[in-house]
Protein backbone atom coordinates (compact mmCIF):
# COMPACT_ATOMS: atom_id res chain seq x y z
CA UNK A 1 83.14 59.68 19.42
CA UNK A 2 79.90 57.94 18.37
CA UNK A 3 77.81 59.47 15.63
CA UNK A 4 74.90 61.59 16.86
CA UNK A 5 72.00 63.52 15.39
CA UNK A 6 69.91 66.31 16.86
CA UNK A 7 66.12 66.53 16.75
CA UNK A 8 64.45 69.86 17.50
CA UNK A 9 61.29 69.51 19.58
CA UNK A 10 58.67 72.16 20.34
CA UNK A 11 58.86 71.91 24.14
CA UNK A 12 60.65 70.01 26.90
CA UNK A 13 57.68 67.74 27.71
CA UNK A 14 57.75 66.36 24.15
CA UNK A 15 61.50 65.85 24.53
CA UNK A 16 61.04 63.88 27.75
CA UNK A 17 58.41 61.59 26.23
CA UNK A 18 60.41 61.11 23.04
CA UNK A 19 63.55 60.31 25.05
CA UNK A 20 61.69 57.45 26.75
CA UNK A 21 60.31 56.19 23.41
CA UNK A 22 63.77 56.22 21.86
CA UNK A 23 65.25 54.37 24.85
CA UNK A 24 62.65 51.65 24.36
CA UNK A 25 64.09 51.17 20.88
CA UNK A 26 67.75 50.93 21.89
CA UNK A 27 68.65 54.59 21.35
CA UNK A 28 70.07 57.02 23.88
CA UNK A 29 68.95 60.62 23.94
CA UNK A 30 69.72 63.62 26.07
CA UNK A 31 67.79 66.85 26.09
CA UNK A 32 69.53 70.06 25.04
CA UNK A 33 67.70 73.08 26.41
CA UNK A 34 69.81 76.19 26.02
CA UNK A 35 67.03 78.73 26.45
CA UNK A 36 66.78 79.40 22.71
CA UNK A 37 65.71 75.97 21.55
CA UNK A 38 64.85 72.56 22.88
CA UNK A 39 66.36 69.56 21.12
CA UNK A 40 67.46 66.00 21.66
CA UNK A 41 70.93 64.66 20.92
CA UNK A 42 70.47 61.01 19.91
CA UNK A 43 72.91 58.14 19.40
CA UNK A 44 72.80 54.38 19.41
CA UNK A 45 72.96 52.64 22.76
CA UNK A 46 76.44 51.44 23.71
CA UNK A 47 75.27 47.85 23.90
CA UNK A 48 74.96 46.01 20.56
CA UNK A 49 72.25 43.79 22.04
CA UNK A 50 70.18 46.87 22.92
CA UNK A 51 70.62 48.12 19.35
CA UNK A 52 69.52 44.76 17.93
CA UNK A 53 66.45 44.55 20.18
CA UNK A 54 65.52 48.13 19.30
CA UNK A 55 65.85 47.55 15.55
CA UNK A 56 63.95 44.26 15.68
CA UNK A 57 61.19 45.72 17.85
CA UNK A 58 60.73 48.62 15.46
CA UNK A 59 60.62 46.32 12.43
CA UNK A 60 58.05 44.03 14.08
CA UNK A 61 55.91 47.06 15.00
CA UNK A 62 55.95 48.24 11.39
CA UNK A 63 55.04 44.78 10.11
CA UNK A 64 52.16 44.47 12.60
CA UNK A 65 50.84 47.87 11.47
CA UNK A 66 51.11 46.92 7.78
CA UNK A 67 49.20 43.70 8.46
CA UNK A 68 46.58 45.54 10.51
CA UNK A 69 47.10 43.14 13.40
CA UNK A 70 45.89 44.38 16.80
CA UNK A 71 49.10 43.37 18.58
CA UNK A 72 51.92 45.22 20.34
CA UNK A 73 55.60 44.46 20.89
CA UNK A 74 57.02 44.60 24.40
CA UNK A 75 60.58 44.04 25.54
CA UNK A 76 60.79 41.09 27.89
CA UNK A 77 63.10 38.27 28.97
CA UNK A 78 66.10 39.82 27.20
CA UNK A 79 64.19 39.90 23.90
CA UNK A 80 60.67 40.84 22.90
CA UNK A 81 57.13 39.48 23.12
CA UNK A 82 54.32 40.07 20.62
CA UNK A 83 51.00 40.22 22.49
CA UNK A 84 47.52 41.73 22.48
CA UNK A 85 47.38 45.23 24.00
CA UNK A 86 46.42 45.35 27.64
CA UNK A 87 47.82 41.90 28.51
């Protein structure tokens, strides 16, 4: 069984948005809502390519932020594109 972690979130809406953000970075998440708490169970995507794209995208985003560059990273064409926001 693949390794997983759980992340507690304050409400289901946050969990839904975070699930989408994690998926954009090559991670899979499912919401656990048992009535007492809301959490996400997270693991790496099954596809190694998705993991690589997610890790690279995250690293490029961090580098852009450190450099103060007004650019964003978007997945495209089986890889990623660095572009100005809004393009």
